[in-house]
Amino acid sequence: MKVNFNTPFVNYRGEAIMENGKEKLIKDVVAATLFEGHWQMRLPNVPAEEKLKAFNLSNKIYESSGVIDITVEDAVMIKDAVLPALNPGGYAQVVKLVEK
């Protein structure tokens, strides 16, 4: 599926969320969350391959400047990663982005 993570988060009014005078992009939060891997710590015995997949996906998203292809498995990993990291509004925006 094709996804553009270079999309700003918006507030409940639909206005772009600003941080340090710049739009807060979904790609920055998703890439950082995948890179940190905190969501994996709540799972028992995460295989090394899964950690490498998260790292590679983080880099792919961070280095993107437009639309990229992700797999269904990538989308699942992204949703699992951001679930504990984001508030409901932010989480919903990521889910809508990867599921459209």
PDB file of N, CA and C in Angstrom:
ATOM      1  N   MET A   1       0.841  -1.173   0.000  1.00  0.00           N
ATOM      2  CA  MET A   1       0.000   0.000   0.000  1.00  0.00           C
ATOM      3  C   MET A   1       0.887   1.237   0.000  1.00  0.00           C
ATOM      4  N   LYS A   2       0.380   2.291  -0.559  1.00  0.00           N
ATOM      5  CA  LYS A   2       1.133   3.540  -0.665  1.00  0.00           C
ATOM      6  C   LYS A   2       0.694   4.507   0.428  1.00  0.00           C
ATOM      7  N   VAL A   3       1.697   5.059   1.135  1.00  0.00           N
ATOM      8  CA  VAL A   3       1.418   5.950   2.265  1.00  0.00           C
ATOM      9  C   VAL A   3       2.383   7.127   2.217  1.00  0.00           C
ATOM     10  N   ASN A   4       1.871   8.313   2.533  1.00  0.00           N
ATOM     11  CA  ASN A   4       2.717   9.497   2.656  1.00  0.00           C
ATOM     12  C   ASN A   4       2.740   9.906   4.129  1.00  0.00           C
ATOM     13  N   PHE A   5       3.844   9.591   4.809  1.00  0.00           N
ATOM     14  CA  PHE A   5       3.982   9.921   6.225  1.00  0.00           C
ATOM     15  C   PHE A   5       4.392  11.382   6.438  1.00  0.00           C
ATOM     16  N   ASN A   6       4.664  12.093   5.362  1.00  0.00           N
ATOM     17  CA  ASN A   6       5.023  13.514   5.455  1.00  0.00           C
ATOM     18  C   ASN A   6       3.750  14.349   5.577  1.00  0.00           C
ATOM     19  N   THR A   7       2.929  13.954   6.497  1.00  0.00           N
ATOM     20  CA  THR A   7       1.629  14.560   6.752  1.00  0.00           C
ATOM     21  C   THR A   7       1.645  15.122   8.163  1.00  0.00           C
ATOM     22  N   PRO A   8       1.162  16.350   8.343  1.00  0.00           N
ATOM     23  CA  PRO A   8       1.169  16.889   9.706  1.00  0.00           C
ATOM     24  C   PRO A   8       0.052  16.290  10.570  1.00  0.00           C
ATOM     25  N   PHE A   9       0.350  16.156  11.854  1.00  0.00           N
ATOM     26  CA  PHE A   9      -0.707  15.849  12.813  1.00  0.00           C
ATOM     27  C   PHE A   9      -1.601  17.067  12.892  1.00  0.00           C
ATOM     28  N   VAL A  10      -2.894  16.854  13.112  1.00  0.00           N
ATOM     29  CA  VAL A  10      -3.824  17.966  13.273  1.00  0.00           C
ATOM     30  C   VAL A  10      -4.514  17.857  14.622  1.00  0.00           C
ATOM     31  N   ASN A  11      -4.955  19.000  15.127  1.00  0.00           N
ATOM     32  CA  ASN A  11      -5.679  19.008  16.393  1.00  0.00           C
ATOM     33  C   ASN A  11      -7.156  18.724  16.140  1.00  0.00           C
ATOM     34  N   TYR A  12      -7.956  18.801  17.176  1.00  0.00           N
ATOM     35  CA  TYR A  12      -9.379  18.473  17.043  1.00  0.00           C
ATOM     36  C   TYR A  12     -10.131  19.439  16.135  1.00  0.00           C
ATOM     37  N   ARG A  13      -9.541  20.575  15.836  1.00  0.00           N
ATOM     38  CA  ARG A  13     -10.146  21.541  14.901  1.00  0.00           C
ATOM     39  C   ARG A  13      -9.702  21.302  13.459  1.00  0.00           C
ATOM     40  N   GLY A  14      -8.806  20.350  13.266  1.00  0.00           N
ATOM     41  CA  GLY A  14      -8.288  20.079  11.925  1.00  0.00           C
ATOM     42  C   GLY A  14      -7.119  20.967  11.527  1.00  0.00           C
ATOM     43  N   GLU A  15      -6.566  21.693  12.501  1.00  0.00           N
ATOM     44  CA  GLU A  15      -5.439  22.586  12.242  1.00  0.00           C
ATOM     45  C   GLU A  15      -4.133  21.840  12.493  1.00  0.00           C
ATOM     46  N   ALA A  16      -3.137  22.085  11.641  1.00  0.00           N
ATOM     47  CA  ALA A  16      -1.835  21.445  11.805  1.00  0.00           C
ATOM     48  C   ALA A  16      -1.250  21.794  13.168  1.00  0.00           C
ATOM     49  N   ILE A  17      -0.711  20.798  13.838  1.00  0.00           N
ATOM     50  CA  ILE A  17      -0.053  21.004  15.127  1.00  0.00           C
ATOM     51  C   ILE A  17       1.354  21.513  14.847  1.00  0.00           C
ATOM     52  N   MET A  18       1.693  22.605  15.495  1.00  0.00           N
ATOM     53  CA  MET A  18       2.995  23.233  15.286  1.00  0.00           C
ATOM     54  C   MET A  18       3.907  22.926  16.469  1.00  0.00           C
ATOM     55  N   GLU A  19       5.188  22.727  16.165  1.00  0.00           N
ATOM     56  CA  GLU A  19       6.188  22.493  17.196  1.00  0.00           C
ATOM     57  C   GLU A  19       7.461  23.217  16.766  1.00  0.00           C
ATOM     58  N   ASN A  20       7.904  24.157  17.574  1.00  0.00           N
ATOM     59  CA  ASN A  20       9.080  24.975  17.251  1.00  0.00           C
ATOM     60  C   ASN A  20       8.926  25.681  15.904  1.00  0.00           C
ATOM     61  N   GLY A  21       7.714  26.155  15.629  1.00  0.00           N
ATOM     62  CA  GLY A  21       7.453  26.907  14.412  1.00  0.00           C
ATOM     63  C   GLY A  21       7.305  26.065  13.155  1.00  0.00           C
ATOM     64  N   LYS A  22       7.299  24.730  13.288  1.00  0.00           N
ATOM     65  CA  LYS A  22       7.157  23.842  12.136  1.00  0.00           C
ATOM     66  C   LYS A  22       6.023  22.864  12.391  1.00  0.00           C
ATOM     67  N   GLU A  23       5.418  22.390  11.309  1.00  0.00           N
ATOM     68  CA  GLU A  23       4.381  21.380  11.451  1.00  0.00           C
ATOM     69  C   GLU A  23       4.980  20.094  12.027  1.00  0.00           C
ATOM     70  N   LYS A  24       4.252  19.509  12.969  1.00  0.00           N
ATOM     71  CA  LYS A  24       4.682  18.232  13.567  1.00  0.00           C
ATOM     72  C   LYS A  24       4.238  17.119  12.618  1.00  0.00           C
ATOM     73  N   LEU A  25       5.206  16.491  11.961  1.00  0.00           N
ATOM     74  CA  LEU A  25       4.904  15.484  10.949  1.00  0.00           C
ATOM     75  C   LEU A  25       4.721  14.095  11.553  1.00  0.00           C
ATOM     76  N   ILE A  26       3.782  13.356  10.995  1.00  0.00           N
ATOM     77  CA  ILE A  26       3.537  11.990  11.421  1.00  0.00           C
ATOM     78  C   ILE A  26       4.796  11.155  11.224  1.00  0.00           C
ATOM     79  N   LYS A  27       5.537  11.409  10.146  1.00  0.00           N
ATOM     80  CA  LYS A  27       6.732  10.599   9.877  1.00  0.00           C
ATOM     81  C   LYS A  27       7.755  10.681  11.008  1.00  0.00           C
ATOM     82  N   ASP A  28       7.914  11.855  11.598  1.00  0.00           N
ATOM     83  CA  ASP A  28       8.909  12.008  12.656  1.00  0.00           C
ATOM     84  C   ASP A  28       8.541  11.203  13.897  1.00  0.00           C
ATOM     85  N   VAL A  29       7.278  11.205  14.246  1.00  0.00           N
ATOM     86  CA  VAL A  29       6.833  10.486  15.438  1.00  0.00           C
ATOM     87  C   VAL A  29       6.848   8.974  15.196  1.00  0.00           C
ATOM     88  N   VAL A  30       6.353   8.544  14.044  1.00  0.00           N
ATOM     89  CA  VAL A  30       6.320   7.110  13.746  1.00  0.00           C
ATOM     90  C   VAL A  30       7.739   6.554  13.638  1.00  0.00           C
ATOM     91  N   ALA A  31       8.610   7.245  12.927  1.00  0.00           N
ATOM     92  CA  ALA A  31       9.994   6.774  12.773  1.00  0.00           C
ATOM     93  C   ALA A  31      10.695   6.685  14.132  1.00  0.00           C
ATOM     94  N   ALA A  32      10.524   7.701  14.966  1.00  0.00           N
ATOM     95  CA  ALA A  32      11.164   7.697  16.286  1.00  0.00           C
ATOM     96  C   ALA A  32      10.613   6.576  17.163  1.00  0.00           C
ATOM     97  N   THR A  33       9.314   6.352  17.105  1.00  0.00           N
ATOM     98  CA  THR A  33       8.689   5.315  17.928  1.00  0.00           C
ATOM     99  C   THR A  33       9.170   3.927  17.507  1.00  0.00           C
ATOM    100  N   LEU A  34       9.243   3.684  16.199  1.00  0.00           N
ATOM    101  CA  LEU A  34       9.762   2.406  15.716  1.00  0.00           C
ATOM    102  C   LEU A  34      11.221   2.224  16.121  1.00  0.00           C
ATOM    103  N   PHE A  35      11.994   3.288  16.015  1.00  0.00           N
ATOM    104  CA  PHE A  35      13.419   3.243  16.346  1.00  0.00           C
ATOM    105  C   PHE A  35      13.635   2.910  17.824  1.00  0.00           C
ATOM    106  N   GLU A  36      12.852   3.546  18.695  1.00  0.00           N
ATOM    107  CA  GLU A  36      13.015   3.346  20.138  1.00  0.00           C
ATOM    108  C   GLU A  36      12.585   1.955  20.584  1.00  0.00           C
ATOM    109  N   GLY A  37      11.537   1.427  19.988  1.00  0.00           N
ATOM    110  CA  GLY A  37      11.099   0.066  20.277  1.00  0.00           C
ATOM    111  C   GLY A  37      10.487  -0.168  21.635  1.00  0.00           C
ATOM    112  N   HIS A  38      10.033   0.871  22.315  1.00  0.00           N
ATOM    113  CA  HIS A  38       9.465   0.688  23.652  1.00  0.00           C
ATOM    114  C   HIS A  38       8.261  -0.260  23.663  1.00  0.00           C
ATOM    115  N   TRP A  39       7.473  -0.264  22.609  1.00  0.00           N
ATOM    116  CA  TRP A  39       6.301  -1.139  22.574  1.00  0.00           C
ATOM    117  C   TRP A  39       6.715  -2.606  22.600  1.00  0.00           C
ATOM    118  N   GLN A  40       7.906  -2.923  22.087  1.00  0.00           N
ATOM    119  CA  GLN A  40       8.363  -4.311  22.073  1.00  0.00           C
ATOM    120  C   GLN A  40       8.733  -4.814  23.468  1.00  0.00           C
ATOM    121  N   MET A  41       9.031  -3.908  24.369  1.00  0.00           N
ATOM    122  CA  MET A  41       9.438  -4.309  25.716  1.00  0.00           C
ATOM    123  C   MET A  41       8.312  -4.970  26.490  1.00  0.00           C
ATOM    124  N   ARG A  42       7.067  -4.714  26.094  1.00  0.00           N
ATOM    125  CA  ARG A  42       5.946  -5.342  26.793  1.00  0.00           C
ATOM    126  C   ARG A  42       5.623  -6.725  26.237  1.00  0.00           C
ATOM    127  N   LEU A  43       6.350  -7.134  25.194  1.00  0.00           N
ATOM    128  CA  LEU A  43       6.152  -8.446  24.584  1.00  0.00           C
ATOM    129  C   LEU A  43       7.264  -9.397  25.032  1.00  0.00           C
ATOM    130  N   PRO A  44       6.930 -10.651  25.291  1.00  0.00           N
ATOM    131  CA  PRO A  44       7.977 -11.593  25.705  1.00  0.00           C
ATOM    132  C   PRO A  44       8.788 -12.093  24.502  1.00  0.00           C
ATOM    133  N   ASN A  45      10.083 -12.154  24.668  1.00  0.00           N
ATOM    134  CA  ASN A  45      10.969 -12.786  23.688  1.00  0.00           C
ATOM    135  C   ASN A  45      10.817 -12.259  22.259  1.00  0.00           C
ATOM    136  N   VAL A  46      10.999 -10.981  22.071  1.00  0.00           N
ATOM    137  CA  VAL A  46      10.923 -10.401  20.727  1.00  0.00           C
ATOM    138  C   VAL A  46      12.136 -10.873  19.931  1.00  0.00           C
ATOM    139  N   PRO A  47      11.909 -11.530  18.797  1.00  0.00           N
ATOM    140  CA  PRO A  47      13.037 -12.015  18.006  1.00  0.00           C
ATOM    141  C   PRO A  47      13.864 -10.858  17.435  1.00  0.00           C
ATOM    142  N   ALA A  48      15.135 -11.117  17.245  1.00  0.00           N
ATOM    143  CA  ALA A  48      16.037 -10.106  16.690  1.00  0.00           C
ATOM    144  C   ALA A  48      15.538  -9.615  15.330  1.00  0.00           C
ATOM    145  N   GLU A  49      14.941 -10.495  14.550  1.00  0.00           N
ATOM    146  CA  GLU A  49      14.443 -10.118  13.225  1.00  0.00           C
ATOM    147  C   GLU A  49      13.374  -9.031  13.318  1.00  0.00           C
ATOM    148  N   GLU A  50      12.543  -9.112  14.351  1.00  0.00           N
ATOM    149  CA  GLU A  50      11.500  -8.103  14.534  1.00  0.00           C
ATOM    150  C   GLU A  50      12.106  -6.746  14.879  1.00  0.00           C
ATOM    151  N   LYS A  51      13.153  -6.756  15.679  1.00  0.00           N
ATOM    152  CA  LYS A  51      13.835  -5.504  16.017  1.00  0.00           C
ATOM    153  C   LYS A  51      14.482  -4.903  14.774  1.00  0.00           C
ATOM    154  N   LEU A  52      15.067  -5.743  13.950  1.00  0.00           N
ATOM    155  CA  LEU A  52      15.674  -5.253  12.715  1.00  0.00           C
ATOM    156  C   LEU A  52      14.624  -4.720  11.745  1.00  0.00           C
ATOM    157  N   LYS A  53      13.476  -5.389  11.679  1.00  0.00           N
ATOM    158  CA  LYS A  53      12.384  -4.899  10.831  1.00  0.00           C
ATOM    159  C   LYS A  53      11.927  -3.513  11.293  1.00  0.00           C
ATOM    160  N   ALA A  54      11.803  -3.334  12.600  1.00  0.00           N
ATOM    161  CA  ALA A  54      11.383  -2.037  13.144  1.00  0.00           C
ATOM    162  C   ALA A  54      12.416  -0.964  12.808  1.00  0.00           C
ATOM    163  N   PHE A  55      13.692  -1.288  12.953  1.00  0.00           N
ATOM    164  CA  PHE A  55      14.755  -0.342  12.632  1.00  0.00           C
ATOM    165  C   PHE A  55      14.732   0.032  11.148  1.00  0.00           C
ATOM    166  N   ASN A  56      14.624  -0.968  10.282  1.00  0.00           N
ATOM    167  CA  ASN A  56      14.610  -0.704   8.840  1.00  0.00           C
ATOM    168  C   ASN A  56      13.383   0.091   8.417  1.00  0.00           C
ATOM    169  N   LEU A  57      12.247  -0.218   9.003  1.00  0.00           N
ATOM    170  CA  LEU A  57      11.029   0.523   8.696  1.00  0.00           C
ATOM    171  C   LEU A  57      11.139   1.955   9.195  1.00  0.00           C
ATOM    172  N   SER A  58      11.722   2.143  10.364  1.00  0.00           N
ATOM    173  CA  SER A  58      11.945   3.486  10.896  1.00  0.00           C
ATOM    174  C   SER A  58      12.775   4.314   9.917  1.00  0.00           C
ATOM    175  N   ASN A  59      13.867   3.745   9.441  1.00  0.00           N
ATOM    176  CA  ASN A  59      14.717   4.462   8.490  1.00  0.00           C
ATOM    177  C   ASN A  59      13.999   4.766   7.189  1.00  0.00           C
ATOM    178  N   LYS A  60      13.247   3.801   6.686  1.00  0.00           N
ATOM    179  CA  LYS A  60      12.513   3.988   5.431  1.00  0.00           C
ATOM    180  C   LYS A  60      11.531   5.155   5.550  1.00  0.00           C
ATOM    181  N   ILE A  61      10.823   5.208   6.665  1.00  0.00           N
ATOM    182  CA  ILE A  61       9.848   6.278   6.873  1.00  0.00           C
ATOM    183  C   ILE A  61      10.550   7.615   7.070  1.00  0.00           C
ATOM    184  N   TYR A  62      11.581   7.643   7.902  1.00  0.00           N
ATOM    185  CA  TYR A  62      12.275   8.902   8.180  1.00  0.00           C
ATOM    186  C   TYR A  62      12.928   9.486   6.934  1.00  0.00           C
ATOM    187  N   GLU A  63      13.498   8.639   6.096  1.00  0.00           N
ATOM    188  CA  GLU A  63      14.189   9.108   4.896  1.00  0.00           C
ATOM    189  C   GLU A  63      13.240   9.462   3.760  1.00  0.00           C
ATOM    190  N   SER A  64      11.972   9.156   3.907  1.00  0.00           N
ATOM    191  CA  SER A  64      11.022   9.417   2.826  1.00  0.00           C
ATOM    192  C   SER A  64      10.718  10.907   2.696  1.00  0.00           C
ATOM    193  N   SER A  65      10.449  11.299   1.458  1.00  0.00           N
ATOM    194  CA  SER A  65      10.059  12.688   1.211  1.00  0.00           C
ATOM    195  C   SER A  65       8.700  12.746   0.526  1.00  0.00           C
ATOM    196  N   GLY A  66       8.053  11.605   0.417  1.00  0.00           N
ATOM    197  CA  GLY A  66       6.743  11.536  -0.227  1.00  0.00           C
ATOM    198  C   GLY A  66       6.132  10.174   0.021  1.00  0.00           C
ATOM    199  N   VAL A  67       5.426   9.690  -0.969  1.00  0.00           N
ATOM    200  CA  VAL A  67       4.723   8.418  -0.866  1.00  0.00           C
ATOM    201  C   VAL A  67       5.723   7.260  -0.890  1.00  0.00           C
ATOM    202  N   ILE A  68       5.518   6.297   0.021  1.00  0.00           N
ATOM    203  CA  ILE A  68       6.316   5.067   0.035  1.00  0.00           C
ATOM    204  C   ILE A  68       5.375   3.875   0.072  1.00  0.00           C
ATOM    205  N   ASP A  69       5.899   2.721  -0.300  1.00  0.00           N
ATOM    206  CA  ASP A  69       5.146   1.478  -0.211  1.00  0.00           C
ATOM    207  C   ASP A  69       5.425   0.825   1.128  1.00  0.00           C
ATOM    208  N   ILE A  70       4.358   0.376   1.790  1.00  0.00           N
ATOM    209  CA  ILE A  70       4.509  -0.435   2.994  1.00  0.00           C
ATOM    210  C   ILE A  70       3.653  -1.678   2.829  1.00  0.00           C
ATOM    211  N   THR A  71       4.037  -2.723   3.533  1.00  0.00           N
ATOM    212  CA  THR A  71       3.276  -3.974   3.488  1.00  0.00           C
ATOM    213  C   THR A  71       2.201  -3.964   4.571  1.00  0.00           C
ATOM    214  N   VAL A  72       1.334  -4.937   4.514  1.00  0.00           N
ATOM    215  CA  VAL A  72       0.332  -5.099   5.565  1.00  0.00           C
ATOM    216  C   VAL A  72       1.030  -5.347   6.905  1.00  0.00           C
ATOM    217  N   GLU A  73       2.108  -6.128   6.878  1.00  0.00           N
ATOM    218  CA  GLU A  73       2.868  -6.404   8.099  1.00  0.00           C
ATOM    219  C   GLU A  73       3.492  -5.126   8.658  1.00  0.00           C
ATOM    220  N   ASP A  74       3.983  -4.256   7.759  1.00  0.00           N
ATOM    221  CA  ASP A  74       4.527  -2.964   8.193  1.00  0.00           C
ATOM    222  C   ASP A  74       3.443  -2.142   8.880  1.00  0.00           C
ATOM    223  N   ALA A  75       2.250  -2.127   8.290  1.00  0.00           N
ATOM    224  CA  ALA A  75       1.142  -1.352   8.863  1.00  0.00           C
ATOM    225  C   ALA A  75       0.790  -1.859  10.258  1.00  0.00           C
ATOM    226  N   VAL A  76       0.789  -3.175  10.429  1.00  0.00           N
ATOM    227  CA  VAL A  76       0.496  -3.760  11.744  1.00  0.00           C
ATOM    228  C   VAL A  76       1.562  -3.345  12.753  1.00  0.00           C
ATOM    229  N   MET A  77       2.829  -3.400  12.347  1.00  0.00           N
ATOM    230  CA  MET A  77       3.915  -3.014  13.240  1.00  0.00           C
ATOM    231  C   MET A  77       3.793  -1.548  13.628  1.00  0.00           C
ATOM    232  N   ILE A  78       3.469  -0.700  12.675  1.00  0.00           N
ATOM    233  CA  ILE A  78       3.325   0.733  12.948  1.00  0.00           C
ATOM    234  C   ILE A  78       2.209   0.967  13.959  1.00  0.00           C
ATOM    235  N   LYS A  79       1.062   0.332  13.735  1.00  0.00           N
ATOM    236  CA  LYS A  79      -0.061   0.522  14.659  1.00  0.00           C
ATOM    237  C   LYS A  79       0.263  -0.010  16.054  1.00  0.00           C
ATOM    238  N   ASP A  80       0.937  -1.142  16.135  1.00  0.00           N
ATOM    239  CA  ASP A  80       1.345  -1.684  17.441  1.00  0.00           C
ATOM    240  C   ASP A  80       2.315  -0.741  18.147  1.00  0.00           C
ATOM    241  N   ALA A  81       3.229  -0.162  17.375  1.00  0.00           N
ATOM    242  CA  ALA A  81       4.253   0.718  17.953  1.00  0.00           C
ATOM    243  C   ALA A  81       3.666   2.006  18.503  1.00  0.00           C
ATOM    244  N   VAL A  82       2.767   2.632  17.755  1.00  0.00           N
ATOM    245  CA  VAL A  82       2.264   3.946  18.175  1.00  0.00           C
ATOM    246  C   VAL A  82       1.118   3.868  19.171  1.00  0.00           C
ATOM    247  N   LEU A  83       0.502   2.690  19.324  1.00  0.00           N
ATOM    248  CA  LEU A  83      -0.625   2.561  20.254  1.00  0.00           C
ATOM    249  C   LEU A  83      -0.289   3.060  21.656  1.00  0.00           C
ATOM    250  N   PRO A  84       0.798   2.599  22.288  1.00  0.00           N
ATOM    251  CA  PRO A  84       1.085   3.100  23.632  1.00  0.00           C
ATOM    252  C   PRO A  84       1.747   4.476  23.650  1.00  0.00           C
ATOM    253  N   ALA A  85       2.195   4.951  22.493  1.00  0.00           N
ATOM    254  CA  ALA A  85       2.965   6.197  22.452  1.00  0.00           C
ATOM    255  C   ALA A  85       2.121   7.446  22.188  1.00  0.00           C
ATOM    256  N   LEU A  86       0.941   7.265  21.616  1.00  0.00           N
ATOM    257  CA  LEU A  86       0.138   8.422  21.204  1.00  0.00           C
ATOM    258  C   LEU A  86      -1.192   8.502  21.939  1.00  0.00           C
ATOM    259  N   ASN A  87      -1.721   9.713  21.990  1.00  0.00           N
ATOM    260  CA  ASN A  87      -3.069   9.900  22.523  1.00  0.00           C
ATOM    261  C   ASN A  87      -4.072   9.395  21.481  1.00  0.00           C
ATOM    262  N   PRO A  88      -5.356   9.284  21.826  1.00  0.00           N
ATOM    263  CA  PRO A  88      -6.333   8.750  20.884  1.00  0.00           C
ATOM    264  C   PRO A  88      -6.385   9.503  19.550  1.00  0.00           C
ATOM    265  N   GLY A  89      -6.297  10.826  19.589  1.00  0.00           N
ATOM    266  CA  GLY A  89      -6.349  11.608  18.352  1.00  0.00           C
ATOM    267  C   GLY A  89      -5.169  11.330  17.445  1.00  0.00           C
ATOM    268  N   GLY A  90      -3.979  11.260  18.023  1.00  0.00           N
ATOM    269  CA  GLY A  90      -2.782  10.973  17.229  1.00  0.00           C
ATOM    270  C   GLY A  90      -2.795   9.554  16.694  1.00  0.00           C
ATOM    271  N   TYR A  91      -3.196   8.609  17.546  1.00  0.00           N
ATOM    272  CA  TYR A  91      -3.261   7.209  17.127  1.00  0.00           C
ATOM    273  C   TYR A  91      -4.245   7.045  15.968  1.00  0.00           C
ATOM    274  N   ALA A  92      -5.405   7.657  16.074  1.00  0.00           N
ATOM    275  CA  ALA A  92      -6.415   7.546  15.017  1.00  0.00           C
ATOM    276  C   ALA A  92      -5.902   8.106  13.687  1.00  0.00           C
ATOM    277  N   GLN A  93      -5.141   9.177  13.741  1.00  0.00           N
ATOM    278  CA  GLN A  93      -4.608   9.754  12.510  1.00  0.00           C
ATOM    279  C   GLN A  93      -3.606   8.811  11.836  1.00  0.00           C
ATOM    280  N   VAL A  94      -2.785   8.147  12.618  1.00  0.00           N
ATOM    281  CA  VAL A  94      -1.832   7.189  12.057  1.00  0.00           C
ATOM    282  C   VAL A  94      -2.579   6.005  11.461  1.00  0.00           C
ATOM    283  N   VAL A  95      -3.568   5.485  12.194  1.00  0.00           N
ATOM    284  CA  VAL A  95      -4.338   4.339  11.693  1.00  0.00           C
ATOM    285  C   VAL A  95      -5.044   4.698  10.391  1.00  0.00           C
ATOM    286  N   LYS A  96      -5.681   5.853  10.328  1.00  0.00           N
ATOM    287  CA  LYS A  96      -6.362   6.273   9.102  1.00  0.00           C
ATOM    288  C   LYS A  96      -5.380   6.385   7.942  1.00  0.00           C
ATOM    289  N   LEU A  97      -4.203   6.874   8.227  1.00  0.00           N
ATOM    290  CA  LEU A  97      -3.187   7.055   7.192  1.00  0.00           C
ATOM    291  C   LEU A  97      -2.741   5.712   6.616  1.00  0.00           C
ATOM    292  N   VAL A  98      -2.472   4.729   7.469  1.00  0.00           N
ATOM    293  CA  VAL A  98      -1.963   3.452   6.969  1.00  0.00           C
ATOM    294  C   VAL A  98      -3.070   2.524   6.472  1.00  0.00           C
ATOM    295  N   GLU A  99      -4.311   2.810   6.805  1.00  0.00           N
ATOM    296  CA  GLU A  99      -5.410   1.934   6.372  1.00  0.00           C
ATOM    297  C   GLU A  99      -6.181   2.449   5.180  1.00  0.00           C
ATOM    298  N   LYS A 100      -5.894   3.648   4.688  1.00  0.00           N
ATOM    299  CA  LYS A 100      -6.716   4.116   3.551  1.00  0.00           C
ATOM    300  C   LYS A 100      -6.312   3.523   2.241  1.00  0.00           C
TER     301      LYS A 100
END
